[in-house]
PDB file of N, CA and C in Angstrom:
ATOM      1  N   MET A   1     249.810 158.176 111.338  1.00  0.00           N
ATOM      2  CA  MET A   1     250.320 159.455 111.963  1.00  0.00           C
ATOM      3  C   MET A   1     250.461 160.439 110.842  1.00  0.00           C
ATOM      4  N   GLY A   2     250.226 160.030 109.491  1.00  0.00           N
ATOM      5  CA  GLY A   2     250.188 160.995 108.415  1.00  0.00           C
ATOM      6  C   GLY A   2     248.698 161.281 108.294  1.00  0.00           C
ATOM      7  N   LEU A   3     248.050 160.235 108.586  1.00  0.00           N
ATOM      8  CA  LEU A   3     246.627 161.441 109.017  1.00  0.00           C
ATOM      9  C   LEU A   3     246.037 162.246 109.935  1.00  0.00           C
ATOM     10  N   LEU A   4     246.718 162.170 110.948  1.00  0.00           N
ATOM     11  CA  LEU A   4     246.567 162.855 112.127  1.00  0.00           C
ATOM     12  C   LEU A   4     247.507 164.285 111.764  1.00  0.00           C
ATOM     13  N   SER A   5     248.596 163.980 111.108  1.00  0.00           N
ATOM     14  CA  SER A   5     249.069 165.379 110.675  1.00  0.00           C
ATOM     15  C   SER A   5     248.383 166.152 109.759  1.00  0.00           C
ATOM     16  N   ALA A   6     247.883 165.441 108.594  1.00  0.00           N
ATOM     17  CA  ALA A   6     246.758 166.109 107.811  1.00  0.00           C
ATOM     18  C   ALA A   6     245.696 166.949 108.172  1.00  0.00           C
ATOM     19  N   LEU A   7     245.037 166.177 109.267  1.00  0.00           N
ATOM     20  CA  LEU A   7     244.116 166.616 110.219  1.00  0.00           C
ATOM     21  C   LEU A   7     244.487 167.914 111.045  1.00  0.00           C
ATOM     22  N   THR A   8     245.797 167.716 111.514  1.00  0.00           N
ATOM     23  CA  THR A   8     246.058 169.173 112.251  1.00  0.00           C
ATOM     24  C   THR A   8     246.166 169.997 111.063  1.00  0.00           C
ATOM     25  N   SER A   9     246.634 170.551 110.228  1.00  0.00           N
ATOM     26  CA  SER A   9     247.004 171.380 109.447  1.00  0.00           C
ATOM     27  C   SER A   9     245.796 171.873 108.676  1.00  0.00           C
ATOM     28  N   ILE A  10     244.382 170.781 108.591  1.00  0.00           N
ATOM     29  CA  ILE A  10     243.255 171.291 107.818  1.00  0.00           C
ATOM     30  C   ILE A  10     242.517 171.888 109.020  1.00  0.00           C
ATOM     31  N   PHE A  11     242.773 171.414 110.353  1.00  0.00           N
ATOM     32  CA  PHE A  11     242.085 172.267 111.327  1.00  0.00           C
ATOM     33  C   PHE A  11     242.664 173.436 111.647  1.00  0.00           C
ATOM     34  N   GLN A  12     244.008 173.358 111.465  1.00  0.00           N
ATOM     35  CA  GLN A  12     245.090 174.675 111.789  1.00  0.00           C
ATOM     36  C   GLN A  12     244.542 175.729 110.530  1.00  0.00           C
ATOM     37  N   ILE A  13     244.187 175.744 109.233  1.00  0.00           N
ATOM     38  CA  ILE A  13     243.728 176.399 108.237  1.00  0.00           C
ATOM     39  C   ILE A  13     242.195 176.863 108.422  1.00  0.00           C
ATOM     40  N   TYR A  14     241.546 176.008 108.898  1.00  0.00           N
ATOM     41  CA  TYR A  14     240.125 176.548 109.287  1.00  0.00           C
ATOM     42  C   TYR A  14     240.050 177.614 110.660  1.00  0.00           C
ATOM     43  N   ALA A  15     241.065 177.161 111.472  1.00  0.00           N
ATOM     44  CA  ALA A  15     240.938 177.974 112.739  1.00  0.00           C
ATOM     45  C   ALA A  15     241.708 179.518 112.152  1.00  0.00           C
ATOM     46  N   ILE A  16     242.809 179.438 111.227  1.00  0.00           N
ATOM     47  CA  ILE A  16     243.046 180.828 110.773  1.00  0.00           C
ATOM     48  C   ILE A  16     241.773 181.389 110.140  1.00  0.00           C
ATOM     49  N   SER A  17     241.088 180.869 109.393  1.00  0.00           N
ATOM     50  CA  SER A  17     239.796 181.637 108.685  1.00  0.00           C
ATOM     51  C   SER A  17     239.262 182.033 109.702  1.00  0.00           C
ATOM     52  N   LEU A  18     239.183 181.501 110.794  1.00  0.00           N
ATOM     53  CA  LEU A  18     238.195 182.267 111.783  1.00  0.00           C
ATOM     54  C   LEU A  18     238.549 183.333 112.998  1.00  0.00           C
ATOM     55  N   THR A  19     239.623 183.493 113.067  1.00  0.00           N
ATOM     56  CA  THR A  19     240.641 184.402 113.772  1.00  0.00           C
ATOM     57  C   THR A  19     241.715 184.926 113.391  1.00  0.00           C
ATOM     58  N   LEU A  20     242.570 185.324 114.348  1.00  0.00           N
ATOM     59  CA  LEU A  20     243.885 186.091 113.462  1.00  0.00           C
ATOM     60  C   LEU A  20     244.667 184.649 113.624  1.00  0.00           C
ATOM     61  N   VAL A  21     245.996 185.189 113.001  1.00  0.00           N
ATOM     62  CA  VAL A  21     246.922 184.014 113.019  1.00  0.00           C
ATOM     63  C   VAL A  21     247.579 184.240 114.163  1.00  0.00           C
ATOM     64  N   ALA A  22     247.964 184.990 114.578  1.00  0.00           N
ATOM     65  CA  ALA A  22     248.739 185.100 116.025  1.00  0.00           C
ATOM     66  C   ALA A  22     248.031 184.290 116.811  1.00  0.00           C
ATOM     67  N   TYR A  23     246.881 184.532 117.104  1.00  0.00           N
ATOM     68  CA  TYR A  23     246.124 183.632 117.998  1.00  0.00           C
ATOM     69  C   TYR A  23     246.313 182.070 117.838  1.00  0.00           C
ATOM     70  N   VAL A  24     245.762 181.639 116.894  1.00  0.00           N
ATOM     71  CA  VAL A  24     246.133 180.337 116.328  1.00  0.00           C
ATOM     72  C   VAL A  24     247.405 179.865 116.799  1.00  0.00           C
ATOM     73  N   SER A  25     248.676 180.826 116.218  1.00  0.00           N
ATOM     74  CA  SER A  25     250.187 180.410 116.267  1.00  0.00           C
ATOM     75  C   SER A  25     250.167 180.125 118.097  1.00  0.00           C
ATOM     76  N   ALA A  26     249.561 180.861 118.382  1.00  0.00           N
ATOM     77  CA  ALA A  26     250.264 180.792 120.456  1.00  0.00           C
ATOM     78  C   ALA A  26     249.454 179.720 120.612  1.00  0.00           C
ATOM     79  N   PHE A  27     248.437 179.200 120.501  1.00  0.00           N
ATOM     80  CA  PHE A  27     247.530 178.498 121.130  1.00  0.00           C
ATOM     81  C   PHE A  27     248.081 177.115 120.406  1.00  0.00           C
ATOM     82  N   LYS A  28     248.857 177.086 119.081  1.00  0.00           N
ATOM     83  CA  LYS A  28     249.362 175.957 118.796  1.00  0.00           C
ATOM     84  C   LYS A  28     251.053 175.531 119.706  1.00  0.00           C
ATOM     85  N   ARG A  29     251.280 176.532 119.925  1.00  0.00           N
ATOM     86  CA  ARG A  29     253.060 176.599 120.879  1.00  0.00           C
ATOM     87  C   ARG A  29     252.582 176.022 121.624  1.00  0.00           C
ATOM     88  N   ILE A  30     251.408 176.435 122.586  1.00  0.00           N
ATOM     89  CA  ILE A  30     251.193 175.724 123.746  1.00  0.00           C
ATOM     90  C   ILE A  30     251.489 174.431 124.259  1.00  0.00           C
ATOM     91  N   SER A  31     250.676 173.696 122.809  1.00  0.00           N
ATOM     92  CA  SER A  31     251.033 172.101 122.747  1.00  0.00           C
ATOM     93  C   SER A  31     252.549 171.659 122.734  1.00  0.00           C
ATOM     94  N   ALA A  32     253.551 172.639 122.650  1.00  0.00           N
ATOM     95  CA  ALA A  32     254.900 172.383 122.854  1.00  0.00           C
ATOM     96  C   ALA A  32     255.010 171.953 124.538  1.00  0.00           C
ATOM     97  N   VAL A  33     254.274 172.888 125.375  1.00  0.00           N
ATOM     98  CA  VAL A  33     254.691 172.594 126.517  1.00  0.00           C
ATOM     99  C   VAL A  33     253.894 171.611 127.064  1.00  0.00           C
ATOM    100  N   LEU A  34     252.771 171.359 126.322  1.00  0.00           N
ATOM    101  CA  LEU A  34     252.194 169.837 126.861  1.00  0.00           C
ATOM    102  C   LEU A  34     252.621 168.403 126.587  1.00  0.00           C
ATOM    103  N   SER A  35     253.591 168.815 125.386  1.00  0.00           N
ATOM    104  CA  SER A  35     254.321 167.552 124.657  1.00  0.00           C
ATOM    105  C   SER A  35     255.316 167.403 125.684  1.00  0.00           C
ATOM    106  N   VAL A  36     256.255 168.464 126.505  1.00  0.00           N
ATOM    107  CA  VAL A  36     257.171 168.057 127.235  1.00  0.00           C
ATOM    108  C   VAL A  36     256.531 167.297 128.422  1.00  0.00           C
ATOM    109  N   PHE A  37     255.429 167.843 129.178  1.00  0.00           N
ATOM    110  CA  PHE A  37     255.033 166.574 130.465  1.00  0.00           C
ATOM    111  C   PHE A  37     254.206 165.562 129.865  1.00  0.00           C
ATOM    112  N   ARG A  38     253.708 165.328 128.517  1.00  0.00           N
ATOM    113  CA  ARG A  38     253.240 163.786 128.214  1.00  0.00           C
ATOM    114  C   ARG A  38     254.584 163.044 128.092  1.00  0.00           C
ATOM    115  N   GLY A  39     255.795 163.643 127.469  1.00  0.00           N
ATOM    116  CA  GLY A  39     257.265 163.133 127.276  1.00  0.00           C
ATOM    117  C   GLY A  39     257.652 162.261 128.640  1.00  0.00           C
ATOM    118  N   ARG A  40     257.343 162.883 129.574  1.00  0.00           N
ATOM    119  CA  ARG A  40     257.865 163.020 130.884  1.00  0.00           C
ATOM    120  C   ARG A  40     256.702 161.838 131.457  1.00  0.00           C
ATOM    121  N   LEU A  41     255.246 161.711 131.129  1.00  0.00           N
ATOM    122  CA  LEU A  41     254.930 160.873 131.611  1.00  0.00           C
ATOM    123  C   LEU A  41     254.831 159.485 130.870  1.00  0.00           C
ATOM    124  N   ILE A  42     254.768 159.615 129.484  1.00  0.00           N
ATOM    125  CA  ILE A  42     254.784 158.299 129.065  1.00  0.00           C
ATOM    126  C   ILE A  42     256.062 157.638 128.580  1.00  0.00           C
ATOM    127  N   PHE A  43     257.280 158.532 128.228  1.00  0.00           N
ATOM    128  CA  PHE A  43     258.478 157.992 127.868  1.00  0.00           C
ATOM    129  C   PHE A  43     259.474 158.171 129.060  1.00  0.00           C
ATOM    130  N   LYS A  44     259.011 158.664 130.080  1.00  0.00           N
ATOM    131  CA  LYS A  44     260.121 158.926 131.360  1.00  0.00           C
ATOM    132  C   LYS A  44     261.038 159.625 131.590  1.00  0.00           C
ATOM    133  N   GLU A  45     261.254 160.562 130.404  1.00  0.00           N
ATOM    134  CA  GLU A  45     262.492 161.484 130.054  1.00  0.00           C
ATOM    135  C   GLU A  45     262.878 162.057 131.054  1.00  0.00           C
ATOM    136  N   LYS A  46     264.151 162.182 130.966  1.00  0.00           N
ATOM    137  CA  LYS A  46     264.618 163.030 132.324  1.00  0.00           C
ATOM    138  C   LYS A  46     264.981 164.446 131.841  1.00  0.00           C
ATOM    139  N   GLU A  47     265.476 164.947 132.887  1.00  0.00           N
ATOM    140  CA  GLU A  47     265.588 166.665 132.760  1.00  0.00           C
ATOM    141  C   GLU A  47     264.569 167.054 132.427  1.00  0.00           C
ATOM    142  N   ILE A  48     263.561 167.310 133.059  1.00  0.00           N
ATOM    143  CA  ILE A  48     262.297 167.816 132.473  1.00  0.00           C
ATOM    144  C   ILE A  48     262.414 169.272 132.831  1.00  0.00           C
ATOM    145  N   ARG A  49     262.963 169.795 134.261  1.00  0.00           N
ATOM    146  CA  ARG A  49     263.095 171.231 134.237  1.00  0.00           C
ATOM    147  C   ARG A  49     263.658 172.250 132.804  1.00  0.00           C
ATOM    148  N   GLU A  50     264.642 171.430 132.224  1.00  0.00           N
ATOM    149  CA  GLU A  50     265.385 172.407 131.067  1.00  0.00           C
ATOM    150  C   GLU A  50     263.907 172.279 130.167  1.00  0.00           C
ATOM    151  N   ARG A  51     263.594 171.098 129.660  1.00  0.00           N
ATOM    152  CA  ARG A  51     262.333 171.326 128.618  1.00  0.00           C
ATOM    153  C   ARG A  51     261.443 171.927 129.035  1.00  0.00           C
ATOM    154  N   VAL A  52     261.351 172.047 129.769  1.00  0.00           N
ATOM    155  CA  VAL A  52     259.784 173.221 130.581  1.00  0.00           C
ATOM    156  C   VAL A  52     260.406 174.268 130.193  1.00  0.00           C
ATOM    157  N   LEU A  53     261.307 174.899 130.531  1.00  0.00           N
ATOM    158  CA  LEU A  53     262.019 175.929 130.680  1.00  0.00           C
ATOM    159  C   LEU A  53     262.141 176.476 129.210  1.00  0.00           C
ATOM    160  N   GLY A  54     262.959 175.644 128.423  1.00  0.00           N
ATOM    161  CA  GLY A  54     262.828 175.812 126.513  1.00  0.00           C
ATOM    162  C   GLY A  54     261.132 175.766 126.149  1.00  0.00           C
ATOM    163  N   ALA A  55     260.435 175.239 126.235  1.00  0.00           N
ATOM    164  CA  ALA A  55     259.479 175.193 125.870  1.00  0.00           C
ATOM    165  C   ALA A  55     258.154 176.320 126.166  1.00  0.00           C
ATOM    166  N   THR A  56     258.481 177.092 127.594  1.00  0.00           N
ATOM    167  CA  THR A  56     257.865 178.130 128.129  1.00  0.00           C
ATOM    168  C   THR A  56     258.567 179.402 127.652  1.00  0.00           C
ATOM    169  N   ILE A  57     259.949 179.108 127.472  1.00  0.00           N
ATOM    170  CA  ILE A  57     260.281 180.518 126.825  1.00  0.00           C
ATOM    171  C   ILE A  57     259.856 180.870 125.239  1.00  0.00           C
ATOM    172  N   MET A  58     259.899 179.732 124.547  1.00  0.00           N
ATOM    173  CA  MET A  58     259.174 179.625 123.149  1.00  0.00           C
ATOM    174  C   MET A  58     257.515 180.307 123.045  1.00  0.00           C
ATOM    175  N   VAL A  59     256.902 179.733 124.006  1.00  0.00           N
ATOM    176  CA  VAL A  59     255.220 180.218 124.000  1.00  0.00           C
ATOM    177  C   VAL A  59     255.533 181.758 124.911  1.00  0.00           C
ATOM    178  N   LEU A  60     256.071 181.961 125.749  1.00  0.00           N
ATOM    179  CA  LEU A  60     256.137 183.419 125.891  1.00  0.00           C
ATOM    180  C   LEU A  60     256.861 184.536 124.873  1.00  0.00           C
ATOM    181  N   GLY A  61     257.685 184.061 123.821  1.00  0.00           N
ATOM    182  CA  GLY A  61     258.092 185.138 122.792  1.00  0.00           C
ATOM    183  C   GLY A  61     256.991 184.946 121.544  1.00  0.00           C
ATOM    184  N   VAL A  62     256.098 183.982 121.639  1.00  0.00           N
ATOM    185  CA  VAL A  62     254.674 184.044 120.946  1.00  0.00           C
ATOM    186  C   VAL A  62     253.970 185.192 121.564  1.00  0.00           C
ATOM    187  N   PHE A  63     253.486 185.063 122.826  1.00  0.00           N
ATOM    188  CA  PHE A  63     252.604 186.040 123.444  1.00  0.00           C
ATOM    189  C   PHE A  63     253.238 187.605 123.499  1.00  0.00           C
ATOM    190  N   ILE A  64     254.818 187.633 123.651  1.00  0.00           N
ATOM    191  CA  ILE A  64     255.217 188.930 123.146  1.00  0.00           C
ATOM    192  C   ILE A  64     254.901 189.456 121.877  1.00  0.00           C
ATOM    193  N   ILE A  65     254.726 188.547 120.746  1.00  0.00           N
ATOM    194  CA  ILE A  65     254.962 188.982 119.218  1.00  0.00           C
ATOM    195  C   ILE A  65     253.218 189.714 119.083  1.00  0.00           C
ATOM    196  N   ILE A  66     252.232 188.794 119.837  1.00  0.00           N
ATOM    197  CA  ILE A  66     250.672 189.071 119.976  1.00  0.00           C
ATOM    198  C   ILE A  66     250.865 190.590 120.322  1.00  0.00           C
TER     199      ILE A  66
END
């Protein structure tokens, strides 16, 4: 898990060097929505509608900032 976390940071820094920080941040926030769906599929989490709504609001906030 630590190795994957380190790779995530390295790739994020590299992406920032290629483009604007706002775009990298927006792309990273989209993973929040995907994580909600993975939680539903893998862990059979309940109340998916509230979780998707919360993650979507976070992502929309990032896009508004852009």
